[in-house]
Amino acid sequence: MSRERFEEKETARLEAFSDGVFAIAITLLVLELGDPSLRGGVSLSQGLLDEWPSFFALVTSFITILIMWMNHHNMFNYIRRTDRRLMLLNGLLLLFVTLTPFTTSLVASHIRLGDASVAVAVYAGTFFLLAIVWNGLWWYCSSGHRLLGKDVTEEQARTITRQYFAAPLSYGAALVIAPFSGLASVVVILAVAGFFAITATIGK
């Protein structure tokens, strides 16, 4: 078996497990949707209009997790070996991924209420912690070329490090903004998703 084939096999189980978690997380919010007319008191059309925060949460959660999955896939184009620390870090990363539907749902439920800033702060804070773990995982794998493929250059590793570092800075700013303007905080978070959607399409 060639070195390249061996390296691909070494990370295959970790990637397959991660893909399964992403797949489950990306569909969780749809379970919150239902026929609004069954709740009584409103027509179906009015009920659907009133449900716009839930639809917004579903779409944003789906897109955000999809972008994270794309970047996770790209990251493992460079990571070719595994060890127990990587497995633990990846598991911690997936924990925050699975929280995304919940925190997005919180924002959707409270965006029109007086405690919207609290919901958005939880939303931004979860993304901030996710970004810290994501950067920590990449730093662990790339430090000294520890778990990267032999063909990965130092310049490639540095480029990815710079890209990933934008996330904790931006999410940290969103967390600071949240108590003052929940909407502005959400806009910053969605802008970060847009940035990583672009970088995810420039994979190896």
Protein backbone atom coordinates (compact mmCIF):
# COMPACT_ATOMS: atom_id res chain seq x y z
CA MET A 1 0.00 0.00 0.00
CA SER A 2 1.41 3.41 -0.95
CA ARG A 3 2.06 6.06 1.71
CA GLU A 4 -0.71 8.25 0.25
CA ARG A 5 -3.26 5.40 0.37
CA PHE A 6 -2.18 4.56 3.93
CA GLU A 7 -2.56 8.16 5.08
CA GLU A 8 -6.04 8.41 3.53
CA LYS A 9 -7.07 5.22 5.33
CA GLU A 10 -5.69 6.45 8.65
CA THR A 11 -8.03 9.46 8.79
CA ALA A 12 -10.99 7.78 7.06
CA ARG A 13 -12.78 6.59 10.21
CA LEU A 14 -12.41 9.95 11.93
CA GLU A 15 -13.77 11.75 8.87
CA ALA A 16 -16.65 9.27 8.49
CA PHE A 17 -17.65 9.74 12.12
CA SER A 18 -17.45 13.53 11.73
CA ASP A 19 -19.54 13.43 8.57
CA GLY A 20 -22.23 11.49 10.43
CA VAL A 21 -22.36 14.08 13.21
CA PHE A 22 -22.55 16.93 10.70
CA ALA A 23 -25.35 15.14 8.84
CA ILE A 24 -27.41 14.74 12.00
CA ALA A 25 -26.78 18.30 13.21
CA ILE A 26 -27.74 19.80 9.86
CA THR A 27 -31.23 18.25 10.02
CA LEU A 28 -32.10 18.73 13.70
CA LEU A 29 -33.87 22.06 13.33
CA VAL A 30 -36.42 20.72 10.86
CA LEU A 31 -37.84 18.66 13.71
CA GLU A 32 -38.99 21.93 15.30
CA LEU A 33 -41.20 22.76 12.32
CA GLY A 34 -44.84 21.76 12.21
CA ASP A 35 -48.22 22.73 10.83
CA PRO A 36 -48.88 26.11 12.56
CA SER A 37 -52.60 25.91 11.87
CA LEU A 38 -52.90 22.96 14.25
CA ARG A 39 -52.15 25.25 17.16
CA GLY A 40 -55.51 26.95 16.64
CA GLY A 41 -56.55 30.56 16.38
CA VAL A 42 -54.81 31.40 13.10
CA SER A 43 -55.12 30.49 9.44
CA LEU A 44 -52.44 28.43 7.74
CA SER A 45 -51.16 31.43 5.75
CA GLN A 46 -50.93 33.62 8.87
CA GLY A 47 -49.36 30.80 10.83
CA LEU A 48 -46.68 30.33 8.18
CA LEU A 49 -45.94 34.05 8.21
CA ASP A 50 -45.66 34.00 11.99
CA GLU A 51 -43.19 31.13 11.73
CA TRP A 52 -40.61 33.18 9.80
CA PRO A 53 -38.08 33.10 12.69
CA SER A 54 -38.16 29.29 12.64
CA PHE A 55 -37.63 29.19 8.88
CA PHE A 56 -34.82 31.74 9.23
CA ALA A 57 -33.21 29.60 11.93
CA LEU A 58 -33.50 26.47 9.77
CA VAL A 59 -31.92 28.10 6.72
CA THR A 60 -29.10 29.85 8.60
CA SER A 61 -28.34 26.77 10.69
CA PHE A 62 -28.29 24.55 7.60
CA ILE A 63 -26.02 26.90 5.67
CA THR A 64 -23.69 27.49 8.63
CA ILE A 65 -23.24 23.79 9.36
CA LEU A 66 -22.80 23.07 5.64
CA ILE A 67 -20.00 25.63 5.48
CA MET A 68 -18.37 24.17 8.60
CA TRP A 69 -18.56 20.69 7.06
CA MET A 70 -16.94 21.95 3.84
CA ASN A 71 -14.10 23.56 5.79
CA HIS A 72 -13.71 20.46 7.98
CA HIS A 73 -13.43 18.37 4.81
CA ASN A 74 -10.84 20.76 3.38
CA MET A 75 -8.85 20.72 6.61
CA PHE A 76 -8.56 16.94 6.42
CA ASN A 77 -7.12 17.26 2.93
CA TYR A 78 -4.04 18.44 4.80
CA ILE A 79 -4.31 16.33 7.96
CA ARG A 80 -3.20 12.81 7.01
CA ARG A 81 -2.52 11.12 10.35
CA THR A 82 -4.44 10.80 13.60
CA ASP A 83 -3.71 10.30 17.26
CA ARG A 84 -5.81 10.31 20.42
CA ARG A 85 -5.41 14.03 21.06
CA LEU A 86 -6.69 14.82 17.59
CA MET A 87 -9.66 12.51 18.19
CA LEU A 88 -10.49 14.31 21.43
CA LEU A 89 -10.10 17.76 19.88
CA ASN A 90 -12.24 16.74 16.92
CA GLY A 91 -14.88 15.39 19.30
CA LEU A 92 -14.92 18.68 21.20
CA LEU A 93 -15.28 20.53 17.91
CA LEU A 94 -18.25 18.35 16.97
CA LEU A 95 -19.87 19.12 20.33
CA PHE A 96 -20.09 22.79 19.36
CA VAL A 97 -21.26 21.88 15.87
CA THR A 98 -24.21 19.96 17.35
CA LEU A 99 -25.06 22.98 19.53
CA THR A 100 -25.53 25.17 16.46
CA PRO A 101 -29.20 24.21 15.81
CA PHE A 102 -30.04 24.88 19.47
CA THR A 103 -28.37 28.28 19.67
CA THR A 104 -29.85 29.30 16.31
CA SER A 105 -33.27 28.23 17.56
CA LEU A 106 -32.76 30.37 20.67
CA VAL A 107 -32.15 33.42 18.50
CA ALA A 108 -35.20 32.63 16.38
CA SER A 109 -37.42 32.26 19.46
CA HIS A 110 -36.24 35.41 21.22
CA ILE A 111 -35.30 37.78 18.39
CA ARG A 112 -38.57 39.71 18.85
CA LEU A 113 -38.45 39.68 22.66
CA GLY A 114 -36.74 41.83 25.23
CA ASP A 115 -34.07 39.23 25.97
CA ALA A 116 -32.91 38.94 22.35
CA SER A 117 -29.43 40.18 23.32
CA VAL A 118 -29.02 37.26 25.75
CA ALA A 119 -29.97 34.73 23.07
CA VAL A 120 -27.59 36.33 20.57
CA ALA A 121 -24.80 36.41 23.16
CA VAL A 122 -25.20 32.64 23.66
CA TYR A 123 -25.21 32.23 19.87
CA ALA A 124 -22.05 34.31 19.40
CA GLY A 125 -20.35 32.79 22.45
CA THR A 126 -20.86 29.27 21.15
CA PHE A 127 -19.34 30.21 17.80
CA PHE A 128 -16.44 31.91 19.59
CA LEU A 129 -15.68 28.73 21.57
CA LEU A 130 -16.05 26.63 18.42
CA ALA A 131 -13.52 28.87 16.66
CA ILE A 132 -11.09 28.54 19.57
CA VAL A 133 -11.33 24.74 19.44
CA TRP A 134 -11.06 24.74 15.63
CA ASN A 135 -7.90 26.86 15.75
CA GLY A 136 -6.51 24.72 18.56
CA LEU A 137 -7.10 21.56 16.54
CA TRP A 138 -5.38 23.01 13.48
CA TRP A 139 -2.49 24.36 15.56
CA TYR A 140 -1.98 20.95 17.15
CA CYS A 141 -1.94 19.18 13.78
CA SER A 142 0.18 21.73 11.95
CA SER A 143 2.71 22.55 14.69
CA GLY A 144 5.95 21.00 13.57
CA HIS A 145 4.02 19.39 10.72
CA ARG A 146 2.88 16.89 13.36
CA LEU A 147 -0.08 15.30 11.57
CA LEU A 148 0.04 16.91 8.14
CA GLY A 149 0.76 15.15 4.88
CA LYS A 150 4.32 15.04 3.62
CA ASP A 151 3.37 17.07 0.55
CA VAL A 152 1.83 19.95 2.53
CA THR A 153 4.10 23.00 2.37
CA GLU A 154 4.80 25.47 5.15
CA GLU A 155 3.21 28.23 3.09
CA GLN A 156 -0.01 26.25 2.74
CA ALA A 157 -0.10 25.64 6.50
CA ARG A 158 0.52 29.33 7.26
CA THR A 159 -2.21 30.42 4.83
CA ILE A 160 -4.78 28.19 6.52
CA THR A 161 -3.65 29.38 9.96
CA ARG A 162 -4.24 33.00 8.91
CA GLN A 163 -7.66 32.18 7.49
CA TYR A 164 -8.78 30.31 10.59
CA PHE A 165 -7.57 33.06 12.92
CA ALA A 166 -10.19 35.39 11.44
CA ALA A 167 -12.94 33.35 13.10
CA PRO A 168 -12.20 33.89 16.83
CA LEU A 169 -11.49 37.58 16.21
CA SER A 170 -14.79 38.08 14.39
CA TYR A 171 -16.89 35.95 16.73
CA GLY A 172 -15.28 37.70 19.69
CA ALA A 173 -16.36 41.03 18.20
CA ALA A 174 -19.88 39.65 17.68
CA LEU A 175 -19.97 38.57 21.32
CA VAL A 176 -18.96 42.05 22.48
CA ILE A 177 -21.56 43.67 20.21
CA ALA A 178 -24.41 41.33 21.25
CA PRO A 179 -25.52 43.20 24.43
CA PHE A 180 -25.82 46.43 22.44
CA SER A 181 -27.28 45.19 19.16
CA GLY A 182 -28.37 41.61 18.66
CA LEU A 183 -29.03 42.22 14.98
CA ALA A 184 -25.55 43.64 14.34
CA SER A 185 -24.02 40.67 16.14
CA VAL A 186 -25.96 38.21 13.97
CA VAL A 187 -24.90 40.12 10.84
CA VAL A 188 -21.23 39.77 11.84
CA ILE A 189 -21.67 36.02 12.40
CA LEU A 190 -23.36 35.57 9.03
CA ALA A 191 -20.58 37.62 7.39
CA VAL A 192 -18.00 35.22 8.87
CA ALA A 193 -19.99 32.32 7.41
CA GLY A 194 -19.84 34.07 4.04
CA PHE A 195 -16.06 34.48 4.32
CA PHE A 196 -15.53 30.81 5.08
CA ALA A 197 -17.96 29.80 2.34
CA ILE A 198 -15.57 31.52 -0.08
CA THR A 199 -12.41 30.01 1.41
CA ALA A 200 -14.05 26.56 1.50
CA THR A 201 -14.41 26.64 -2.28
CA ILE A 202 -10.67 27.17 -2.64
CA GLY A 203 -9.77 23.79 -1.27
CA LYS A 204 -6.62 21.87 -1.99
